[in-house]
Amino acid sequence: MKAMILAAGLGTRLRPLTNTMPKPLLPIAGTPLIVWNLLLLKRYGFLDVVINLHYLGPMIEQVVGNGSRYGVRITYSREPVILGTGGGIKQAEPYFSGSPVLILNGDTLVEIDLEALWAFHRERNATATLVLRSDPDAAHWGLVEVEEAGRIVRITGRGLSEPTVTQPRMFAGVHILHPRLLRQVPKGKASSIIEAYVSGIQRNEAVLGYDHQGYWSDIGTPERYGQAEQDARSGRIDLSRRSLSPSAR
């Protein structure tokens, strides 16, 4: 199974921490965040991983290399000009070989059963499955409206106009998509993958939501980074099941 980690961002909200270090390399409990995410992927059998790079990309390459230290195979998709989530995924499309791919934000620390997520997506023959969370500030993160059966009908107010009873959710930055959703994403231009999801919803594609109730943190600000570090050290998120050999530290 194939996966992609989005790691090209500038990390502007995390400055000054990211003045000289890309945010995927910020340490959590002494280990770079991107390594924890690689180990999560490995744990659930996602062994072929694409990582897109832009800001301080060579530093990420130097740390994680070809992935062999972590039991995965890494391919890099380098972006001379940053392409956003949509353009970045579009550029990496040839590596997916026409198969569904799991996408993980490089600044997200999450404990989730990826095997169960993949089974949910496959069993429902979904075009895309977005991991969602219930959050009182869902509108701040970007409101996702989902029906009881799991169908997403609107994202940030865009999608289907039909009246329906929905639950408010926020997008957790973990998703599975089929490459056919990328057909209308412009190549070589910056864009958001959310635009592709909204278009899919409007075409009545099966864009589904998967509720996640476990640990999740967006490492987007110094305050949230500090909280995630505290959570890891206190055991609020258990990273011990992500095996990391001493030689790989």
C-alpha atoms as a PDB file:
ATOM      1  CA  MET A   1       0.000   0.000   0.000  1.00  0.00           C
ATOM      2  CA  LYS A   2       1.164   3.484  -0.852  1.00  0.00           C
ATOM      3  CA  ALA A   3       1.199   6.661   1.184  1.00  0.00           C
ATOM      4  CA  MET A   4       2.290  10.275   0.875  1.00  0.00           C
ATOM      5  CA  ILE A   5       3.480  12.670   3.562  1.00  0.00           C
ATOM      6  CA  LEU A   6       2.968  16.349   2.805  1.00  0.00           C
ATOM      7  CA  ALA A   7       6.179  17.980   4.003  1.00  0.00           C
ATOM      8  CA  ALA A   8       6.744  20.977   1.720  1.00  0.00           C
ATOM      9  CA  GLY A   9       5.185  23.705   3.880  1.00  0.00           C
ATOM     10  CA  LEU A  10       6.981  26.839   5.015  1.00  0.00           C
ATOM     11  CA  GLY A  11       6.032  26.507   8.674  1.00  0.00           C
ATOM     12  CA  THR A  12       5.495  30.248   9.012  1.00  0.00           C
ATOM     13  CA  ARG A  13       3.208  29.929  12.054  1.00  0.00           C
ATOM     14  CA  LEU A  14       5.939  28.018  13.902  1.00  0.00           C
ATOM     15  CA  ARG A  15       8.635  30.651  13.566  1.00  0.00           C
ATOM     16  CA  PRO A  16      11.173  31.165  15.019  1.00  0.00           C
ATOM     17  CA  LEU A  17      11.317  27.378  15.546  1.00  0.00           C
ATOM     18  CA  THR A  18      11.271  26.829  11.780  1.00  0.00           C
ATOM     19  CA  ASN A  19      13.715  29.549  10.793  1.00  0.00           C
ATOM     20  CA  THR A  20      16.442  26.948  10.347  1.00  0.00           C
ATOM     21  CA  MET A  21      14.493  23.667  10.518  1.00  0.00           C
ATOM     22  CA  PRO A  22      11.493  22.424   8.507  1.00  0.00           C
ATOM     23  CA  LYS A  23       8.543  21.610  10.742  1.00  0.00           C
ATOM     24  CA  PRO A  24       8.508  17.844   9.929  1.00  0.00           C
ATOM     25  CA  LEU A  25      11.914  17.633  11.640  1.00  0.00           C
ATOM     26  CA  LEU A  26      10.806  19.227  14.909  1.00  0.00           C
ATOM     27  CA  PRO A  27      11.480  16.653  17.625  1.00  0.00           C
ATOM     28  CA  ILE A  28       8.712  15.029  19.619  1.00  0.00           C
ATOM     29  CA  ALA A  29      10.087  13.055  22.576  1.00  0.00           C
ATOM     30  CA  GLY A  30      13.534  13.304  20.967  1.00  0.00           C
ATOM     31  CA  THR A  31      12.537  11.974  17.534  1.00  0.00           C
ATOM     32  CA  PRO A  32      11.603  14.042  14.442  1.00  0.00           C
ATOM     33  CA  LEU A  33       7.868  14.252  13.844  1.00  0.00           C
ATOM     34  CA  ILE A  34       8.223  12.878  10.315  1.00  0.00           C
ATOM     35  CA  VAL A  35       9.946   9.775  11.683  1.00  0.00           C
ATOM     36  CA  TRP A  36       7.018   9.095  14.009  1.00  0.00           C
ATOM     37  CA  ASN A  37       4.725   9.367  10.984  1.00  0.00           C
ATOM     38  CA  LEU A  38       6.893   7.022   8.923  1.00  0.00           C
ATOM     39  CA  LEU A  39       6.794   4.493  11.752  1.00  0.00           C
ATOM     40  CA  LEU A  40       3.009   4.786  11.943  1.00  0.00           C
ATOM     41  CA  LEU A  41       2.800   4.027   8.228  1.00  0.00           C
ATOM     42  CA  LYS A  42       5.167   1.088   8.553  1.00  0.00           C
ATOM     43  CA  ARG A  43       3.172  -0.347  11.462  1.00  0.00           C
ATOM     44  CA  TYR A  44       0.133  -0.671   9.206  1.00  0.00           C
ATOM     45  CA  GLY A  45       1.891  -1.887   6.082  1.00  0.00           C
ATOM     46  CA  PHE A  46       2.244   1.349   4.102  1.00  0.00           C
ATOM     47  CA  LEU A  47       5.785   0.688   2.956  1.00  0.00           C
ATOM     48  CA  ASP A  48       6.015   2.807  -0.219  1.00  0.00           C
ATOM     49  CA  VAL A  49       6.010   6.457   0.782  1.00  0.00           C
ATOM     50  CA  VAL A  50       6.244   9.640  -1.287  1.00  0.00           C
ATOM     51  CA  ILE A  51       7.376  12.795   0.522  1.00  0.00           C
ATOM     52  CA  ASN A  52       7.027  16.162  -1.186  1.00  0.00           C
ATOM     53  CA  LEU A  53       9.700  18.735  -0.431  1.00  0.00           C
ATOM     54  CA  HIS A  54      10.196  22.466  -0.760  1.00  0.00           C
ATOM     55  CA  TYR A  55      11.242  24.483   2.287  1.00  0.00           C
ATOM     56  CA  LEU A  56      14.611  23.175   3.569  1.00  0.00           C
ATOM     57  CA  GLY A  57      13.897  19.936   1.741  1.00  0.00           C
ATOM     58  CA  PRO A  58      17.529  18.715   1.693  1.00  0.00           C
ATOM     59  CA  MET A  59      17.489  18.658   5.496  1.00  0.00           C
ATOM     60  CA  ILE A  60      14.559  16.214   5.448  1.00  0.00           C
ATOM     61  CA  GLU A  61      16.316  14.038   2.879  1.00  0.00           C
ATOM     62  CA  GLN A  62      19.465  13.996   4.988  1.00  0.00           C
ATOM     63  CA  VAL A  63      17.572  12.827   8.076  1.00  0.00           C
ATOM     64  CA  VAL A  64      15.284  10.147   6.643  1.00  0.00           C
ATOM     65  CA  GLY A  65      17.289   9.101   3.570  1.00  0.00           C
ATOM     66  CA  ASN A  66      15.735   6.315   1.533  1.00  0.00           C
ATOM     67  CA  GLY A  67      13.655   5.125   4.477  1.00  0.00           C
ATOM     68  CA  SER A  68      15.471   1.824   5.006  1.00  0.00           C
ATOM     69  CA  ARG A  69      16.273   2.714   8.639  1.00  0.00           C
ATOM     70  CA  TYR A  70      12.542   2.842   9.298  1.00  0.00           C
ATOM     71  CA  GLY A  71      11.459  -0.142   7.221  1.00  0.00           C
ATOM     72  CA  VAL A  72       9.921   1.847   4.353  1.00  0.00           C
ATOM     73  CA  ARG A  73      10.882   2.897   0.823  1.00  0.00           C
ATOM     74  CA  ILE A  74      10.878   6.649   0.255  1.00  0.00           C
ATOM     75  CA  THR A  75      10.549   8.549  -3.006  1.00  0.00           C
ATOM     76  CA  TYR A  76      10.899  12.331  -3.006  1.00  0.00           C
ATOM     77  CA  SER A  77       8.771  14.721  -5.031  1.00  0.00           C
ATOM     78  CA  ARG A  78      10.686  18.003  -5.106  1.00  0.00           C
ATOM     79  CA  GLU A  79       8.844  21.277  -5.648  1.00  0.00           C
ATOM     80  CA  PRO A  80      11.031  24.200  -6.792  1.00  0.00           C
ATOM     81  CA  VAL A  81       7.910  26.332  -6.383  1.00  0.00           C
ATOM     82  CA  ILE A  82       5.587  25.333  -3.560  1.00  0.00           C
ATOM     83  CA  LEU A  83       2.416  23.765  -4.944  1.00  0.00           C
ATOM     84  CA  GLY A  84       0.085  23.473  -1.966  1.00  0.00           C
ATOM     85  CA  THR A  85      -1.735  20.277  -1.083  1.00  0.00           C
ATOM     86  CA  GLY A  86      -3.540  19.912  -4.420  1.00  0.00           C
ATOM     87  CA  GLY A  87      -0.620  20.751  -6.675  1.00  0.00           C
ATOM     88  CA  GLY A  88       1.779  18.739  -4.519  1.00  0.00           C
ATOM     89  CA  ILE A  89      -0.356  15.602  -4.667  1.00  0.00           C
ATOM     90  CA  LYS A  90      -0.919  16.139  -8.401  1.00  0.00           C
ATOM     91  CA  GLN A  91       2.829  16.287  -9.060  1.00  0.00           C
ATOM     92  CA  ALA A  92       3.314  13.019  -7.154  1.00  0.00           C
ATOM     93  CA  GLU A  93       0.482  11.276  -9.039  1.00  0.00           C
ATOM     94  CA  PRO A  94       2.776   9.156 -11.272  1.00  0.00           C
ATOM     95  CA  TYR A  95       4.087   7.398  -8.157  1.00  0.00           C
ATOM     96  CA  PHE A  96       0.580   6.189  -7.257  1.00  0.00           C
ATOM     97  CA  SER A  97       0.282   3.998 -10.386  1.00  0.00           C
ATOM     98  CA  GLY A  98      -3.467   4.585 -10.550  1.00  0.00           C
ATOM     99  CA  SER A  99      -4.107   3.115  -7.096  1.00  0.00           C
ATOM    100  CA  PRO A 100      -5.646   4.746  -4.003  1.00  0.00           C
ATOM    101  CA  VAL A 101      -3.132   6.467  -1.756  1.00  0.00           C
ATOM    102  CA  LEU A 102      -3.133   7.444   1.906  1.00  0.00           C
ATOM    103  CA  ILE A 103      -2.201  11.099   2.488  1.00  0.00           C
ATOM    104  CA  LEU A 104      -0.866  12.355   5.812  1.00  0.00           C
ATOM    105  CA  ASN A 105      -0.085  15.954   6.725  1.00  0.00           C
ATOM    106  CA  GLY A 106       3.542  16.270   7.762  1.00  0.00           C
ATOM    107  CA  ASP A 107       2.674  18.497  10.727  1.00  0.00           C
ATOM    108  CA  THR A 108       0.099  16.132  12.244  1.00  0.00           C
ATOM    109  CA  LEU A 109       0.698  13.821  15.205  1.00  0.00           C
ATOM    110  CA  VAL A 110      -2.075  11.249  15.370  1.00  0.00           C
ATOM    111  CA  GLU A 111      -2.775   7.807  16.798  1.00  0.00           C
ATOM    112  CA  ILE A 112      -5.109   6.033  14.388  1.00  0.00           C
ATOM    113  CA  ASP A 113      -5.746   2.504  13.153  1.00  0.00           C
ATOM    114  CA  LEU A 114      -4.831   2.919   9.497  1.00  0.00           C
ATOM    115  CA  GLU A 115      -5.839  -0.662   8.725  1.00  0.00           C
ATOM    116  CA  ALA A 116      -9.403   0.050   9.875  1.00  0.00           C
ATOM    117  CA  LEU A 117      -9.428   3.308   7.910  1.00  0.00           C
ATOM    118  CA  TRP A 118      -8.250   1.550   4.745  1.00  0.00           C
ATOM    119  CA  ALA A 119     -10.880  -1.196   5.190  1.00  0.00           C
ATOM    120  CA  PHE A 120     -13.613   1.437   5.643  1.00  0.00           C
ATOM    121  CA  HIS A 121     -12.562   3.119   2.404  1.00  0.00           C
ATOM    122  CA  ARG A 122     -12.264  -0.106   0.414  1.00  0.00           C
ATOM    123  CA  GLU A 123     -15.487  -1.748   1.645  1.00  0.00           C
ATOM    124  CA  ARG A 124     -17.539   1.310   0.696  1.00  0.00           C
ATOM    125  CA  ASN A 125     -15.835   1.705  -2.684  1.00  0.00           C
ATOM    126  CA  ALA A 126     -15.188   5.338  -1.800  1.00  0.00           C
ATOM    127  CA  THR A 127     -13.560   7.824  -4.126  1.00  0.00           C
ATOM    128  CA  ALA A 128     -12.110   9.590  -1.100  1.00  0.00           C
ATOM    129  CA  THR A 129     -12.259   9.141   2.658  1.00  0.00           C
ATOM    130  CA  LEU A 130     -11.407  12.023   4.968  1.00  0.00           C
ATOM    131  CA  VAL A 131     -10.602  11.456   8.630  1.00  0.00           C
ATOM    132  CA  LEU A 132     -12.823  13.795  10.633  1.00  0.00           C
ATOM    133  CA  ARG A 133     -13.031  14.930  14.244  1.00  0.00           C
ATOM    134  CA  SER A 134     -15.754  16.409  16.369  1.00  0.00           C
ATOM    135  CA  ASP A 135     -14.453  19.748  17.613  1.00  0.00           C
ATOM    136  CA  PRO A 136     -16.218  22.794  19.074  1.00  0.00           C
ATOM    137  CA  ASP A 137     -13.983  24.948  16.867  1.00  0.00           C
ATOM    138  CA  ALA A 138     -14.741  22.994  13.691  1.00  0.00           C
ATOM    139  CA  ALA A 139     -15.678  26.169  11.842  1.00  0.00           C
ATOM    140  CA  HIS A 140     -12.273  27.655  12.676  1.00  0.00           C
ATOM    141  CA  TRP A 141     -10.486  24.659  11.142  1.00  0.00           C
ATOM    142  CA  GLY A 142     -12.812  24.495   8.123  1.00  0.00           C
ATOM    143  CA  LEU A 143     -16.318  23.122   8.678  1.00  0.00           C
ATOM    144  CA  VAL A 144     -17.066  19.721   7.152  1.00  0.00           C
ATOM    145  CA  GLU A 145     -20.741  18.729   7.058  1.00  0.00           C
ATOM    146  CA  VAL A 146     -21.350  14.985   7.046  1.00  0.00           C
ATOM    147  CA  GLU A 147     -24.545  12.949   6.932  1.00  0.00           C
ATOM    148  CA  GLU A 148     -25.242  10.185   9.425  1.00  0.00           C
ATOM    149  CA  ALA A 149     -24.355   7.552   6.820  1.00  0.00           C
ATOM    150  CA  GLY A 150     -20.918   9.117   6.422  1.00  0.00           C
ATOM    151  CA  ARG A 151     -21.345  11.007   3.147  1.00  0.00           C
ATOM    152  CA  ILE A 152     -19.732  14.447   3.168  1.00  0.00           C
ATOM    153  CA  VAL A 153     -22.103  16.975   1.605  1.00  0.00           C
ATOM    154  CA  ARG A 154     -20.253  20.252   2.142  1.00  0.00           C
ATOM    155  CA  ILE A 155     -16.788  21.514   3.000  1.00  0.00           C
ATOM    156  CA  THR A 156     -16.540  25.141   4.135  1.00  0.00           C
ATOM    157  CA  GLY A 157     -20.057  25.665   2.805  1.00  0.00           C
ATOM    158  CA  ARG A 158     -19.343  24.325  -0.678  1.00  0.00           C
ATOM    159  CA  GLY A 159     -20.694  21.131  -2.163  1.00  0.00           C
ATOM    160  CA  LEU A 160     -24.317  20.027  -2.383  1.00  0.00           C
ATOM    161  CA  SER A 161     -27.046  22.596  -1.834  1.00  0.00           C
ATOM    162  CA  GLU A 162     -29.742  20.070  -0.964  1.00  0.00           C
ATOM    163  CA  PRO A 163     -31.144  20.430   2.576  1.00  0.00           C
ATOM    164  CA  THR A 164     -30.099  17.540   4.779  1.00  0.00           C
ATOM    165  CA  VAL A 165     -29.381  16.809   8.434  1.00  0.00           C
ATOM    166  CA  THR A 166     -25.638  16.881   8.994  1.00  0.00           C
ATOM    167  CA  GLN A 167     -23.095  16.725  11.776  1.00  0.00           C
ATOM    168  CA  PRO A 168     -20.339  19.357  12.040  1.00  0.00           C
ATOM    169  CA  ARG A 169     -16.813  18.004  11.829  1.00  0.00           C
ATOM    170  CA  MET A 170     -13.276  19.176  11.119  1.00  0.00           C
ATOM    171  CA  PHE A 171     -10.785  17.607   8.726  1.00  0.00           C
ATOM    172  CA  ALA A 172      -7.886  15.959  10.558  1.00  0.00           C
ATOM    173  CA  GLY A 173      -5.350  16.005   7.715  1.00  0.00           C
ATOM    174  CA  VAL A 174      -5.434  12.243   7.068  1.00  0.00           C
ATOM    175  CA  HIS A 175      -7.203  11.042   3.936  1.00  0.00           C
ATOM    176  CA  ILE A 176      -7.368   8.379   1.242  1.00  0.00           C
ATOM    177  CA  LEU A 177      -8.045   9.336  -2.347  1.00  0.00           C
ATOM    178  CA  HIS A 178      -8.311   7.662  -5.699  1.00  0.00           C
ATOM    179  CA  PRO A 179      -6.145   9.392  -8.330  1.00  0.00           C
ATOM    180  CA  ARG A 180      -9.172   9.921 -10.598  1.00  0.00           C
ATOM    181  CA  LEU A 181     -10.059  12.826  -8.301  1.00  0.00           C
ATOM    182  CA  LEU A 182      -6.909  14.556  -9.537  1.00  0.00           C
ATOM    183  CA  ARG A 183      -8.012  14.785 -13.182  1.00  0.00           C
ATOM    184  CA  GLN A 184      -9.149  18.372 -12.851  1.00  0.00           C
ATOM    185  CA  VAL A 185      -6.305  19.494 -10.581  1.00  0.00           C
ATOM    186  CA  PRO A 186      -3.989  21.739 -12.625  1.00  0.00           C
ATOM    187  CA  LYS A 187      -0.466  20.411 -12.977  1.00  0.00           C
ATOM    188  CA  GLY A 188       2.375  22.647 -11.867  1.00  0.00           C
ATOM    189  CA  LYS A 189       0.090  25.198 -10.169  1.00  0.00           C
ATOM    190  CA  ALA A 190      -0.523  25.800  -6.490  1.00  0.00           C
ATOM    191  CA  SER A 191      -3.917  24.609  -5.290  1.00  0.00           C
ATOM    192  CA  SER A 192      -5.697  22.990  -2.356  1.00  0.00           C
ATOM    193  CA  ILE A 193      -6.818  19.353  -2.440  1.00  0.00           C
ATOM    194  CA  ILE A 194     -10.042  20.557  -0.816  1.00  0.00           C
ATOM    195  CA  GLU A 195     -11.037  21.964  -4.216  1.00  0.00           C
ATOM    196  CA  ALA A 196     -10.865  18.459  -5.703  1.00  0.00           C
ATOM    197  CA  TYR A 197     -12.983  17.101  -2.857  1.00  0.00           C
ATOM    198  CA  VAL A 198     -15.619  19.812  -3.288  1.00  0.00           C
ATOM    199  CA  SER A 199     -15.766  19.068  -7.033  1.00  0.00           C
ATOM    200  CA  GLY A 200     -16.138  15.364  -6.276  1.00  0.00           C
ATOM    201  CA  ILE A 201     -18.997  16.054  -3.875  1.00  0.00           C
ATOM    202  CA  GLN A 202     -20.743  18.182  -6.501  1.00  0.00           C
ATOM    203  CA  ARG A 203     -20.438  15.284  -8.977  1.00  0.00           C
ATOM    204  CA  ASN A 204     -21.995  12.948  -6.362  1.00  0.00           C
ATOM    205  CA  GLU A 205     -18.784  10.979  -5.992  1.00  0.00           C
ATOM    206  CA  ALA A 206     -18.463   8.927  -2.811  1.00  0.00           C
ATOM    207  CA  VAL A 207     -16.497  11.377  -0.671  1.00  0.00           C
ATOM    208  CA  LEU A 208     -16.888   9.958   2.825  1.00  0.00           C
ATOM    209  CA  GLY A 209     -16.030  10.935   6.370  1.00  0.00           C
ATOM    210  CA  TYR A 210     -14.378   8.616   8.896  1.00  0.00           C
ATOM    211  CA  ASP A 211     -14.816   9.669  12.515  1.00  0.00           C
ATOM    212  CA  HIS A 212     -11.669   9.642  14.623  1.00  0.00           C
ATOM    213  CA  GLN A 213     -11.902   9.868  18.405  1.00  0.00           C
ATOM    214  CA  GLY A 214      -8.313   9.102  19.362  1.00  0.00           C
ATOM    215  CA  TYR A 215      -5.333  11.373  19.876  1.00  0.00           C
ATOM    216  CA  TRP A 216      -4.721  14.082  17.286  1.00  0.00           C
ATOM    217  CA  SER A 217      -2.618  17.231  17.265  1.00  0.00           C
ATOM    218  CA  ASP A 218      -1.832  19.781  14.599  1.00  0.00           C
ATOM    219  CA  ILE A 219       1.737  20.952  15.205  1.00  0.00           C
ATOM    220  CA  GLY A 220       0.979  24.323  13.677  1.00  0.00           C
ATOM    221  CA  THR A 221       2.012  26.853  16.321  1.00  0.00           C
ATOM    222  CA  PRO A 222       4.683  26.966  19.048  1.00  0.00           C
ATOM    223  CA  GLU A 223       1.936  26.516  21.645  1.00  0.00           C
ATOM    224  CA  ARG A 224       0.515  23.398  20.006  1.00  0.00           C
ATOM    225  CA  TYR A 225       4.005  22.039  19.428  1.00  0.00           C
ATOM    226  CA  GLY A 226       4.753  22.444  23.131  1.00  0.00           C
ATOM    227  CA  GLN A 227       1.483  20.704  24.013  1.00  0.00           C
ATOM    228  CA  ALA A 228       2.251  17.768  21.695  1.00  0.00           C
ATOM    229  CA  GLU A 229       5.693  17.402  23.254  1.00  0.00           C
ATOM    230  CA  GLN A 230       4.093  17.344  26.692  1.00  0.00           C
ATOM    231  CA  ASP A 231       1.466  14.835  25.529  1.00  0.00           C
ATOM    232  CA  ALA A 232       4.146  12.476  24.214  1.00  0.00           C
ATOM    233  CA  ARG A 233       6.214  12.630  27.381  1.00  0.00           C
ATOM    234  CA  SER A 234       3.185  12.194  29.659  1.00  0.00           C
ATOM    235  CA  GLY A 235       1.863   9.214  27.698  1.00  0.00           C
ATOM    236  CA  ARG A 236      -1.290  10.928  26.469  1.00  0.00           C
ATOM    237  CA  ILE A 237      -0.223   9.621  23.075  1.00  0.00           C
ATOM    238  CA  ASP A 238       1.547   6.269  23.265  1.00  0.00           C
ATOM    239  CA  LEU A 239       4.417   6.279  20.786  1.00  0.00           C
ATOM    240  CA  SER A 240       6.002   3.119  22.184  1.00  0.00           C
ATOM    241  CA  ARG A 241       4.194   0.919  19.652  1.00  0.00           C
ATOM    242  CA  ARG A 242       6.014   2.661  16.822  1.00  0.00           C
ATOM    243  CA  SER A 243       9.225   0.664  16.911  1.00  0.00           C
ATOM    244  CA  LEU A 244      12.402   2.673  16.439  1.00  0.00           C
ATOM    245  CA  SER A 245      15.691   0.831  16.684  1.00  0.00           C
ATOM    246  CA  PRO A 246      18.481   2.568  18.635  1.00  0.00           C
ATOM    247  CA  SER A 247      20.583   2.836  15.469  1.00  0.00           C
ATOM    248  CA  ALA A 248      17.842   4.846  13.769  1.00  0.00           C
ATOM    249  CA  ARG A 249      17.553   7.487  16.481  1.00  0.00           C
END
